[in-house]
Amino acid sequence: VQLQASGGGLVQAGGSLRLSCEGSRSIFNINGMSWYRQAPGEQREWVATITSGGMQRYEDSVKDRFTVSRDNTGNAAFLQMNSLKPEDTAIYLCTSTWYNVRHWGQGTLVTVSS
């Protein structure tokens, strides 16, 4: 399984970005998926999850600003990020599992300027 995140870029504080994660298999509606992020010099942290049943969970600092979703094919997932803050600056990665093996996509860089 291969995952590829895209959609990052440079945005001013208060702006929005929509990240996409595309998988080589339709796994997101079977095993769910998660977004993580890693800021420079920091450890990777969990951001959001959408389960196979469609339930969404968010890290407290992004709740009410970010929305995770997926399409009906299970091939694509998204992270809508609104009201971005400089502290959201990080490489964002998507991840899911297939046959109990966790797969990570290459990240996409989000830079939020103040």
C-alpha atoms as a PDB file:
ATOM      1  CA  VAL A   1       0.000   0.000   0.000  1.00  0.00           C
ATOM      2  CA  GLN A   2       1.280   3.422  -0.902  1.00  0.00           C
ATOM      3  CA  LEU A   3      -0.029   6.661   0.516  1.00  0.00           C
ATOM      4  CA  GLN A   4       0.663  10.139  -0.791  1.00  0.00           C
ATOM      5  CA  ALA A   5      -0.194  13.361   0.963  1.00  0.00           C
ATOM      6  CA  SER A   6      -0.504  16.617  -0.939  1.00  0.00           C
ATOM      7  CA  GLY A   7      -1.971  20.089  -0.669  1.00  0.00           C
ATOM      8  CA  GLY A   8       0.486  21.768   1.659  1.00  0.00           C
ATOM      9  CA  GLY A   9       1.855  25.209   1.112  1.00  0.00           C
ATOM     10  CA  LEU A  10       2.459  28.644   2.572  1.00  0.00           C
ATOM     11  CA  VAL A  11      -0.526  30.455   4.049  1.00  0.00           C
ATOM     12  CA  GLN A  12      -1.025  33.442   6.311  1.00  0.00           C
ATOM     13  CA  ALA A  13      -2.387  33.032   9.805  1.00  0.00           C
ATOM     14  CA  GLY A  14      -6.157  32.757   9.673  1.00  0.00           C
ATOM     15  CA  GLY A  15      -6.088  31.145   6.265  1.00  0.00           C
ATOM     16  CA  SER A  16      -7.147  27.706   5.109  1.00  0.00           C
ATOM     17  CA  LEU A  17      -5.653  24.713   3.352  1.00  0.00           C
ATOM     18  CA  ARG A  18      -7.076  21.373   2.290  1.00  0.00           C
ATOM     19  CA  LEU A  19      -4.749  18.408   2.421  1.00  0.00           C
ATOM     20  CA  SER A  20      -5.382  15.233   0.466  1.00  0.00           C
ATOM     21  CA  CYS A  21      -4.151  11.709   1.022  1.00  0.00           C
ATOM     22  CA  GLU A  22      -4.446   9.232  -1.811  1.00  0.00           C
ATOM     23  CA  GLY A  23      -3.945   5.526  -1.348  1.00  0.00           C
ATOM     24  CA  SER A  24      -3.034   2.865  -3.862  1.00  0.00           C
ATOM     25  CA  ARG A  25      -5.797   0.714  -2.403  1.00  0.00           C
ATOM     26  CA  SER A  26      -9.276   1.460  -1.091  1.00  0.00           C
ATOM     27  CA  ILE A  27      -8.368   1.027   2.543  1.00  0.00           C
ATOM     28  CA  PHE A  28      -9.699   4.137   4.230  1.00  0.00           C
ATOM     29  CA  ASN A  29     -13.272   2.824   4.405  1.00  0.00           C
ATOM     30  CA  ILE A  30     -12.000  -0.514   5.751  1.00  0.00           C
ATOM     31  CA  ASN A  31      -9.374   0.507   8.296  1.00  0.00           C
ATOM     32  CA  GLY A  32      -9.852   4.238   8.701  1.00  0.00           C
ATOM     33  CA  MET A  33      -6.925   6.645   8.559  1.00  0.00           C
ATOM     34  CA  SER A  34      -5.173   9.281  10.582  1.00  0.00           C
ATOM     35  CA  TRP A  35      -3.274  12.485  10.079  1.00  0.00           C
ATOM     36  CA  TYR A  36      -0.132  13.250  12.029  1.00  0.00           C
ATOM     37  CA  ARG A  37       2.218  16.211  11.927  1.00  0.00           C
ATOM     38  CA  GLN A  38       5.815  16.853  12.803  1.00  0.00           C
ATOM     39  CA  ALA A  39       7.116  20.337  13.425  1.00  0.00           C
ATOM     40  CA  PRO A  40      10.846  21.105  13.110  1.00  0.00           C
ATOM     41  CA  GLY A  41      12.696  19.742  16.108  1.00  0.00           C
ATOM     42  CA  GLU A  42       9.548  18.213  17.549  1.00  0.00           C
ATOM     43  CA  GLN A  43       8.183  14.705  17.840  1.00  0.00           C
ATOM     44  CA  ARG A  44       5.468  13.497  15.538  1.00  0.00           C
ATOM     45  CA  GLU A  45       2.029  14.148  16.981  1.00  0.00           C
ATOM     46  CA  TRP A  46      -1.407  12.819  16.171  1.00  0.00           C
ATOM     47  CA  VAL A  47      -3.806  15.334  14.642  1.00  0.00           C
ATOM     48  CA  ALA A  48      -7.015  13.593  13.599  1.00  0.00           C
ATOM     49  CA  THR A  49      -8.577  10.228  12.817  1.00  0.00           C
ATOM     50  CA  ILE A  50     -11.533   9.055  10.804  1.00  0.00           C
ATOM     51  CA  THR A  51     -12.571   5.497  11.574  1.00  0.00           C
ATOM     52  CA  SER A  52     -13.908   2.896   9.160  1.00  0.00           C
ATOM     53  CA  GLY A  53     -17.356   3.795  10.455  1.00  0.00           C
ATOM     54  CA  GLY A  54     -16.836   7.491   9.781  1.00  0.00           C
ATOM     55  CA  MET A  55     -16.330   8.668  13.353  1.00  0.00           C
ATOM     56  CA  GLN A  56     -13.956  11.584  13.649  1.00  0.00           C
ATOM     57  CA  ARG A  57     -11.569  12.395  16.471  1.00  0.00           C
ATOM     58  CA  TYR A  58      -9.310  15.387  16.873  1.00  0.00           C
ATOM     59  CA  GLU A  59      -6.402  16.534  18.956  1.00  0.00           C
ATOM     60  CA  ASP A  60      -7.589  19.311  21.234  1.00  0.00           C
ATOM     61  CA  SER A  61      -5.609  22.119  19.610  1.00  0.00           C
ATOM     62  CA  VAL A  62      -7.200  21.534  16.194  1.00  0.00           C
ATOM     63  CA  LYS A  63     -10.725  20.699  17.293  1.00  0.00           C
ATOM     64  CA  ASP A  64     -13.271  23.078  15.711  1.00  0.00           C
ATOM     65  CA  ARG A  65     -10.671  24.213  13.149  1.00  0.00           C
ATOM     66  CA  PHE A  66      -9.786  21.026  11.270  1.00  0.00           C
ATOM     67  CA  THR A  67     -12.116  18.517   9.629  1.00  0.00           C
ATOM     68  CA  VAL A  68     -11.099  15.041   8.486  1.00  0.00           C
ATOM     69  CA  SER A  69     -13.120  13.278   5.811  1.00  0.00           C
ATOM     70  CA  ARG A  70     -12.850  10.631   3.134  1.00  0.00           C
ATOM     71  CA  ASP A  71     -14.491   9.902  -0.188  1.00  0.00           C
ATOM     72  CA  ASN A  72     -16.838   7.002  -0.879  1.00  0.00           C
ATOM     73  CA  THR A  73     -14.225   4.986  -2.758  1.00  0.00           C
ATOM     74  CA  GLY A  74     -11.947   4.687   0.253  1.00  0.00           C
ATOM     75  CA  ASN A  75      -9.015   5.786  -1.885  1.00  0.00           C
ATOM     76  CA  ALA A  76      -8.851   9.375  -0.734  1.00  0.00           C
ATOM     77  CA  ALA A  77      -9.012  11.235   2.528  1.00  0.00           C
ATOM     78  CA  PHE A  78      -8.828  14.903   3.312  1.00  0.00           C
ATOM     79  CA  LEU A  79      -7.945  17.319   6.073  1.00  0.00           C
ATOM     80  CA  GLN A  80      -9.640  20.695   5.820  1.00  0.00           C
ATOM     81  CA  MET A  81      -7.682  23.140   7.931  1.00  0.00           C
ATOM     82  CA  ASN A  82      -9.245  26.492   8.768  1.00  0.00           C
ATOM     83  CA  SER A  83      -8.156  29.373  10.999  1.00  0.00           C
ATOM     84  CA  LEU A  84      -4.562  28.255  10.667  1.00  0.00           C
ATOM     85  CA  LYS A  85      -2.053  29.410  13.248  1.00  0.00           C
ATOM     86  CA  PRO A  86       1.749  29.655  13.073  1.00  0.00           C
ATOM     87  CA  GLU A  87       1.940  26.765  15.529  1.00  0.00           C
ATOM     88  CA  ASP A  88       0.256  24.559  12.920  1.00  0.00           C
ATOM     89  CA  THR A  89       3.429  24.775  10.828  1.00  0.00           C
ATOM     90  CA  ALA A  90       4.656  21.223  10.275  1.00  0.00           C
ATOM     91  CA  ILE A  91       5.009  18.380   7.846  1.00  0.00           C
ATOM     92  CA  TYR A  92       1.649  16.623   7.719  1.00  0.00           C
ATOM     93  CA  LEU A  93       1.562  12.872   7.122  1.00  0.00           C
ATOM     94  CA  CYS A  94      -1.263  10.453   6.506  1.00  0.00           C
ATOM     95  CA  THR A  95      -1.297   6.892   7.738  1.00  0.00           C
ATOM     96  CA  SER A  96      -3.440   3.788   7.671  1.00  0.00           C
ATOM     97  CA  THR A  97      -3.066   0.062   8.164  1.00  0.00           C
ATOM     98  CA  TRP A  98      -3.351  -2.888   5.805  1.00  0.00           C
ATOM     99  CA  TYR A  99      -3.186  -6.420   7.142  1.00  0.00           C
ATOM    100  CA  ASN A 100      -2.034  -5.009  10.495  1.00  0.00           C
ATOM    101  CA  VAL A 101       0.921  -3.227   8.940  1.00  0.00           C
ATOM    102  CA  ARG A 102       0.981   0.539   9.391  1.00  0.00           C
ATOM    103  CA  HIS A 103       1.762   2.491   6.260  1.00  0.00           C
ATOM    104  CA  TRP A 104       2.864   6.119   6.082  1.00  0.00           C
ATOM    105  CA  GLY A 105       2.780   8.471   3.166  1.00  0.00           C
ATOM    106  CA  GLN A 106       5.372  11.059   2.382  1.00  0.00           C
ATOM    107  CA  GLY A 107       4.394  14.227   4.124  1.00  0.00           C
ATOM    108  CA  THR A 108       3.327  17.575   2.820  1.00  0.00           C
ATOM    109  CA  LEU A 109       4.705  20.776   4.310  1.00  0.00           C
ATOM    110  CA  VAL A 110       2.349  23.350   5.757  1.00  0.00           C
ATOM    111  CA  THR A 111       3.852  26.707   6.662  1.00  0.00           C
ATOM    112  CA  VAL A 112       1.715  29.317   8.405  1.00  0.00           C
ATOM    113  CA  SER A 113       3.148  32.809   8.549  1.00  0.00           C
ATOM    114  CA  SER A 114       2.204  35.296  11.250  1.00  0.00           C
END
